[in-house]
């Protein structure tokens, strides 16, 4: 799960506003499956 956190943080660091919603949905999907 730590790998997911690192990946998410890395994506957030490089994300623009349009990508934030997609990343949020992606995180919800990961948390929902795990």
C-alpha atoms as a PDB file:
ATOM      1  CA  UNK A   1       0.000   0.000   0.000  1.00  0.00           C
ATOM      2  CA  UNK A   2       2.976   2.312   0.572  1.00  0.00           C
ATOM      3  CA  UNK A   3       3.800   2.057  -3.131  1.00  0.00           C
ATOM      4  CA  UNK A   4       0.333   3.369  -3.951  1.00  0.00           C
ATOM      5  CA  UNK A   5       0.822   6.290  -1.568  1.00  0.00           C
ATOM      6  CA  UNK A   6       4.155   7.190  -3.164  1.00  0.00           C
ATOM      7  CA  UNK A   7       2.626   6.993  -6.642  1.00  0.00           C
ATOM      8  CA  UNK A   8      -0.340   9.142  -5.627  1.00  0.00           C
ATOM      9  CA  UNK A   9       1.898  11.749  -3.996  1.00  0.00           C
ATOM     10  CA  UNK A  10       4.094  11.804  -7.101  1.00  0.00           C
ATOM     11  CA  UNK A  11       1.053  12.312  -9.328  1.00  0.00           C
ATOM     12  CA  UNK A  12      -0.308  15.055  -7.091  1.00  0.00           C
ATOM     13  CA  UNK A  13       3.021  16.872  -7.226  1.00  0.00           C
ATOM     14  CA  UNK A  14       2.804  17.048 -11.022  1.00  0.00           C
ATOM     15  CA  UNK A  15      -0.958  17.386 -11.397  1.00  0.00           C
ATOM     16  CA  UNK A  16      -2.840  20.360 -12.733  1.00  0.00           C
ATOM     17  CA  UNK A  17      -6.392  21.222 -11.693  1.00  0.00           C
ATOM     18  CA  UNK A  18      -7.986  19.188 -14.481  1.00  0.00           C
ATOM     19  CA  UNK A  19      -6.127  16.051 -13.387  1.00  0.00           C
ATOM     20  CA  UNK A  20      -6.948  16.406  -9.693  1.00  0.00           C
ATOM     21  CA  UNK A  21     -10.491  15.075 -10.138  1.00  0.00           C
ATOM     22  CA  UNK A  22      -9.251  12.086 -12.117  1.00  0.00           C
ATOM     23  CA  UNK A  23      -6.634  11.346  -9.467  1.00  0.00           C
ATOM     24  CA  UNK A  24      -9.273  11.647  -6.737  1.00  0.00           C
ATOM     25  CA  UNK A  25     -11.491   9.135  -8.549  1.00  0.00           C
ATOM     26  CA  UNK A  26      -8.479   6.847  -9.075  1.00  0.00           C
ATOM     27  CA  UNK A  27      -7.669   6.936  -5.367  1.00  0.00           C
ATOM     28  CA  UNK A  28     -11.287   6.172  -4.463  1.00  0.00           C
ATOM     29  CA  UNK A  29     -11.215   3.189  -6.822  1.00  0.00           C
ATOM     30  CA  UNK A  30      -8.019   1.834  -5.250  1.00  0.00           C
ATOM     31  CA  UNK A  31      -9.350   2.270  -1.722  1.00  0.00           C
ATOM     32  CA  UNK A  32     -12.648   0.696  -2.711  1.00  0.00           C
ATOM     33  CA  UNK A  33     -10.960  -2.399  -4.120  1.00  0.00           C
ATOM     34  CA  UNK A  34      -8.490  -2.886  -1.277  1.00  0.00           C
END
